[in-house]
Amino acid sequence: MIKNGLFTIAIGFVVVILGLTDFEERRILILGIGILLIILGFTLYNKGEKKSD
């Protein structure tokens, strides 16, 4: 779960960067998806850390 969380966070950051450089019409949607991916990845990472302890 730790690796899945880190991968999801990385994809989320890439999507946020692409959202910041995209055109106005899809910017909010792409930024929202990126933020949701970062939150999901952080949650997966924390669950994996708690299980490994």
PDB file of N, CA and C in Angstrom:
ATOM      1  N   MET A   1       0.813  -1.197   0.000  1.00  0.00           N
ATOM      2  CA  MET A   1       0.000   0.000   0.000  1.00  0.00           C
ATOM      3  C   MET A   1       0.857   1.263   0.000  1.00  0.00           C
ATOM      4  N   ILE A   2       2.036   1.152   0.592  1.00  0.00           N
ATOM      5  CA  ILE A   2       2.911   2.321   0.631  1.00  0.00           C
ATOM      6  C   ILE A   2       3.335   2.707  -0.782  1.00  0.00           C
ATOM      7  N   LYS A   3       3.720   1.706  -1.590  1.00  0.00           N
ATOM      8  CA  LYS A   3       4.138   2.002  -2.960  1.00  0.00           C
ATOM      9  C   LYS A   3       2.970   2.526  -3.791  1.00  0.00           C
ATOM     10  N   ASN A   4       1.777   1.965  -3.578  1.00  0.00           N
ATOM     11  CA  ASN A   4       0.599   2.457  -4.305  1.00  0.00           C
ATOM     12  C   ASN A   4       0.292   3.894  -3.925  1.00  0.00           C
ATOM     13  N   GLY A   5       0.434   4.219  -2.652  1.00  0.00           N
ATOM     14  CA  GLY A   5       0.179   5.583  -2.201  1.00  0.00           C
ATOM     15  C   GLY A   5       1.162   6.573  -2.797  1.00  0.00           C
ATOM     16  N   LEU A   6       2.438   6.201  -2.804  1.00  0.00           N
ATOM     17  CA  LEU A   6       3.447   7.102  -3.378  1.00  0.00           C
ATOM     18  C   LEU A   6       3.251   7.278  -4.877  1.00  0.00           C
ATOM     19  N   PHE A   7       2.888   6.192  -5.562  1.00  0.00           N
ATOM     20  CA  PHE A   7       2.634   6.282  -6.994  1.00  0.00           C
ATOM     21  C   PHE A   7       1.443   7.192  -7.270  1.00  0.00           C
ATOM     22  N   THR A   8       0.383   7.059  -6.482  1.00  0.00           N
ATOM     23  CA  THR A   8      -0.806   7.889  -6.674  1.00  0.00           C
ATOM     24  C   THR A   8      -0.498   9.359  -6.388  1.00  0.00           C
ATOM     25  N   ILE A   9       0.305   9.614  -5.371  1.00  0.00           N
ATOM     26  CA  ILE A   9       0.702  10.994  -5.076  1.00  0.00           C
ATOM     27  C   ILE A   9       1.504  11.575  -6.243  1.00  0.00           C
ATOM     28  N   ALA A  10       2.424  10.793  -6.781  1.00  0.00           N
ATOM     29  CA  ALA A  10       3.241  11.271  -7.903  1.00  0.00           C
ATOM     30  C   ALA A  10       2.375  11.581  -9.119  1.00  0.00           C
ATOM     31  N   ILE A  11       1.438  10.689  -9.435  1.00  0.00           N
ATOM     32  CA  ILE A  11       0.531  10.941 -10.557  1.00  0.00           C
ATOM     33  C   ILE A  11      -0.311  12.190 -10.287  1.00  0.00           C
ATOM     34  N   GLY A  12      -0.747  12.359  -9.038  1.00  0.00           N
ATOM     35  CA  GLY A  12      -1.527  13.551  -8.681  1.00  0.00           C
ATOM     36  C   GLY A  12      -0.752  14.833  -8.901  1.00  0.00           C
ATOM     37  N   PHE A  13       0.529  14.847  -8.528  1.00  0.00           N
ATOM     38  CA  PHE A  13       1.345  16.043  -8.741  1.00  0.00           C
ATOM     39  C   PHE A  13       1.541  16.327 -10.227  1.00  0.00           C
ATOM     40  N   VAL A  14       1.726  15.291 -11.024  1.00  0.00           N
ATOM     41  CA  VAL A  14       1.869  15.483 -12.463  1.00  0.00           C
ATOM     42  C   VAL A  14       0.585  16.071 -13.047  1.00  0.00           C
ATOM     43  N   VAL A  15      -0.559  15.558 -12.608  1.00  0.00           N
ATOM     44  CA  VAL A  15      -1.845  16.070 -13.103  1.00  0.00           C
ATOM     45  C   VAL A  15      -2.045  17.523 -12.679  1.00  0.00           C
ATOM     46  N   VAL A  16      -1.651  17.871 -11.454  1.00  0.00           N
ATOM     47  CA  VAL A  16      -1.777  19.269 -11.014  1.00  0.00           C
ATOM     48  C   VAL A  16      -0.892  20.175 -11.860  1.00  0.00           C
ATOM     49  N   ILE A  17       0.328  19.748 -12.144  1.00  0.00           N
ATOM     50  CA  ILE A  17       1.217  20.560 -12.982  1.00  0.00           C
ATOM     51  C   ILE A  17       0.635  20.726 -14.378  1.00  0.00           C
ATOM     52  N   LEU A  18       0.106  19.639 -14.936  1.00  0.00           N
ATOM     53  CA  LEU A  18      -0.532  19.751 -16.247  1.00  0.00           C
ATOM     54  C   LEU A  18      -1.764  20.651 -16.188  1.00  0.00           C
ATOM     55  N   GLY A  19      -2.503  20.580 -15.098  1.00  0.00           N
ATOM     56  CA  GLY A  19      -3.675  21.439 -14.941  1.00  0.00           C
ATOM     57  C   GLY A  19      -3.312  22.909 -14.855  1.00  0.00           C
ATOM     58  N   LEU A  20      -2.169  23.210 -14.254  1.00  0.00           N
ATOM     59  CA  LEU A  20      -1.745  24.606 -14.152  1.00  0.00           C
ATOM     60  C   LEU A  20      -1.280  25.167 -15.487  1.00  0.00           C
ATOM     61  N   THR A  21      -0.857  24.294 -16.395  1.00  0.00           N
ATOM     62  CA  THR A  21      -0.379  24.764 -17.694  1.00  0.00           C
ATOM     63  C   THR A  21      -1.412  24.600 -18.802  1.00  0.00           C
ATOM     64  N   ASP A  22      -2.588  24.051 -18.473  1.00  0.00           N
ATOM     65  CA  ASP A  22      -3.604  23.776 -19.480  1.00  0.00           C
ATOM     66  C   ASP A  22      -4.423  25.034 -19.778  1.00  0.00           C
ATOM     67  N   PHE A  23      -5.279  24.914 -20.765  1.00  0.00           N
ATOM     68  CA  PHE A  23      -6.147  26.019 -21.134  1.00  0.00           C
ATOM     69  C   PHE A  23      -7.213  26.248 -20.068  1.00  0.00           C
ATOM     70  N   GLU A  24      -7.878  27.379 -20.133  1.00  0.00           N
ATOM     71  CA  GLU A  24      -8.850  27.782 -19.130  1.00  0.00           C
ATOM     72  C   GLU A  24     -10.066  26.865 -19.040  1.00  0.00           C
ATOM     73  N   GLU A  25     -10.471  26.286 -20.140  1.00  0.00           N
ATOM     74  CA  GLU A  25     -11.743  25.561 -20.160  1.00  0.00           C
ATOM     75  C   GLU A  25     -11.736  24.284 -19.328  1.00  0.00           C
ATOM     76  N   ARG A  26     -10.571  23.630 -19.199  1.00  0.00           N
ATOM     77  CA  ARG A  26     -10.511  22.377 -18.439  1.00  0.00           C
ATOM     78  C   ARG A  26      -9.649  22.482 -17.199  1.00  0.00           C
ATOM     79  N   ARG A  27      -9.183  23.635 -16.869  1.00  0.00           N
ATOM     80  CA  ARG A  27      -8.234  23.802 -15.771  1.00  0.00           C
ATOM     81  C   ARG A  27      -8.808  23.362 -14.426  1.00  0.00           C
ATOM     82  N   ILE A  28     -10.004  23.773 -14.095  1.00  0.00           N
ATOM     83  CA  ILE A  28     -10.591  23.456 -12.792  1.00  0.00           C
ATOM     84  C   ILE A  28     -10.826  21.957 -12.655  1.00  0.00           C
ATOM     85  N   LEU A  29     -11.301  21.318 -13.713  1.00  0.00           N
ATOM     86  CA  LEU A  29     -11.537  19.882 -13.682  1.00  0.00           C
ATOM     87  C   LEU A  29     -10.237  19.107 -13.470  1.00  0.00           C
ATOM     88  N   ILE A  30      -9.206  19.456 -14.197  1.00  0.00           N
ATOM     89  CA  ILE A  30      -7.922  18.750 -14.090  1.00  0.00           C
ATOM     90  C   ILE A  30      -7.289  19.002 -12.722  1.00  0.00           C
ATOM     91  N   LEU A  31      -7.357  20.226 -12.228  1.00  0.00           N
ATOM     92  CA  LEU A  31      -6.816  20.514 -10.901  1.00  0.00           C
ATOM     93  C   LEU A  31      -7.577  19.745  -9.820  1.00  0.00           C
ATOM     94  N   GLY A  32      -8.881  19.648  -9.956  1.00  0.00           N
ATOM     95  CA  GLY A  32      -9.681  18.879  -8.998  1.00  0.00           C
ATOM     96  C   GLY A  32      -9.313  17.405  -8.988  1.00  0.00           C
ATOM     97  N   ILE A  33      -9.124  16.830 -10.171  1.00  0.00           N
ATOM     98  CA  ILE A  33      -8.716  15.425 -10.261  1.00  0.00           C
ATOM     99  C   ILE A  33      -7.339  15.232  -9.636  1.00  0.00           C
ATOM    100  N   GLY A  34      -6.426  16.138  -9.890  1.00  0.00           N
ATOM    101  CA  GLY A  34      -5.088  16.046  -9.318  1.00  0.00           C
ATOM    102  C   GLY A  34      -5.094  16.119  -7.806  1.00  0.00           C
ATOM    103  N   ILE A  35      -5.877  17.027  -7.266  1.00  0.00           N
ATOM    104  CA  ILE A  35      -5.965  17.167  -5.807  1.00  0.00           C
ATOM    105  C   ILE A  35      -6.589  15.922  -5.189  1.00  0.00           C
ATOM    106  N   LEU A  36      -7.616  15.373  -5.827  1.00  0.00           N
ATOM    107  CA  LEU A  36      -8.221  14.137  -5.319  1.00  0.00           C
ATOM    108  C   LEU A  36      -7.229  12.975  -5.348  1.00  0.00           C
ATOM    109  N   LEU A  37      -6.419  12.880  -6.392  1.00  0.00           N
ATOM    110  CA  LEU A  37      -5.407  11.825  -6.459  1.00  0.00           C
ATOM    111  C   LEU A  37      -4.355  11.983  -5.361  1.00  0.00           C
ATOM    112  N   ILE A  38      -3.963  13.208  -5.079  1.00  0.00           N
ATOM    113  CA  ILE A  38      -2.988  13.443  -4.013  1.00  0.00           C
ATOM    114  C   ILE A  38      -3.571  13.043  -2.662  1.00  0.00           C
ATOM    115  N   ILE A  39      -4.818  13.406  -2.413  1.00  0.00           N
ATOM    116  CA  ILE A  39      -5.465  13.044  -1.146  1.00  0.00           C
ATOM    117  C   ILE A  39      -5.614  11.530  -1.035  1.00  0.00           C
ATOM    118  N   LEU A  40      -6.027  10.878  -2.120  1.00  0.00           N
ATOM    119  CA  LEU A  40      -6.161   9.421  -2.117  1.00  0.00           C
ATOM    120  C   LEU A  40      -4.815   8.747  -1.877  1.00  0.00           C
ATOM    121  N   GLY A  41      -3.766   9.228  -2.525  1.00  0.00           N
ATOM    122  CA  GLY A  41      -2.438   8.668  -2.330  1.00  0.00           C
ATOM    123  C   GLY A  41      -1.932   8.848  -0.914  1.00  0.00           C
ATOM    124  N   PHE A  42      -2.201  10.014  -0.332  1.00  0.00           N
ATOM    125  CA  PHE A  42      -1.790  10.271   1.049  1.00  0.00           C
ATOM    126  C   PHE A  42      -2.515   9.327   2.007  1.00  0.00           C
ATOM    127  N   THR A  43      -3.798   9.081   1.752  1.00  0.00           N
ATOM    128  CA  THR A  43      -4.576   8.159   2.585  1.00  0.00           C
ATOM    129  C   THR A  43      -4.035   6.737   2.467  1.00  0.00           C
ATOM    130  N   LEU A  44      -3.765   6.290   1.250  1.00  0.00           N
ATOM    131  CA  LEU A  44      -3.198   4.951   1.060  1.00  0.00           C
ATOM    132  C   LEU A  44      -1.839   4.821   1.733  1.00  0.00           C
ATOM    133  N   TYR A  45      -1.029   5.841   1.624  1.00  0.00           N
ATOM    134  CA  TYR A  45       0.292   5.816   2.238  1.00  0.00           C
ATOM    135  C   TYR A  45       0.187   5.710   3.755  1.00  0.00           C
ATOM    136  N   ASN A  46      -0.703   6.499   4.352  1.00  0.00           N
ATOM    137  CA  ASN A  46      -0.876   6.449   5.812  1.00  0.00           C
ATOM    138  C   ASN A  46      -1.398   5.103   6.271  1.00  0.00           C
ATOM    139  N   LYS A  47      -2.333   4.503   5.532  1.00  0.00           N
ATOM    140  CA  LYS A  47      -2.824   3.172   5.907  1.00  0.00           C
ATOM    141  C   LYS A  47      -1.710   2.138   5.839  1.00  0.00           C
ATOM    142  N   GLY A  48      -0.856   2.231   4.832  1.00  0.00           N
ATOM    143  CA  GLY A  48       0.267   1.313   4.712  1.00  0.00           C
ATOM    144  C   GLY A  48       1.283   1.496   5.821  1.00  0.00           C
ATOM    145  N   GLU A  49       1.518   2.734   6.211  1.00  0.00           N
ATOM    146  CA  GLU A  49       2.456   2.999   7.303  1.00  0.00           C
ATOM    147  C   GLU A  49       1.927   2.450   8.627  1.00  0.00           C
ATOM    148  N   LYS A  50       0.642   2.596   8.870  1.00  0.00           N
ATOM    149  CA  LYS A  50       0.056   2.098  10.117  1.00  0.00           C
ATOM    150  C   LYS A  50       0.089   0.576  10.170  1.00  0.00           C
ATOM    151  N   LYS A  51      -0.086  -0.084   9.018  1.00  0.00           N
ATOM    152  CA  LYS A  51      -0.037  -1.540   8.990  1.00  0.00           C
ATOM    153  C   LYS A  51       1.364  -2.077   9.211  1.00  0.00           C
ATOM    154  N   SER A  52       2.375  -1.349   8.729  1.00  0.00           N
ATOM    155  CA  SER A  52       3.751  -1.825   8.852  1.00  0.00           C
ATOM    156  C   SER A  52       4.292  -1.668  10.278  1.00  0.00           C
ATOM    157  N   ASP A  53       3.670  -0.826  11.086  1.00  0.00           N
ATOM    158  CA  ASP A  53       4.131  -0.637  12.475  1.00  0.00           C
ATOM    159  C   ASP A  53       3.682  -1.725  13.346  1.00  0.00           C
TER     160      ASP A  53
END
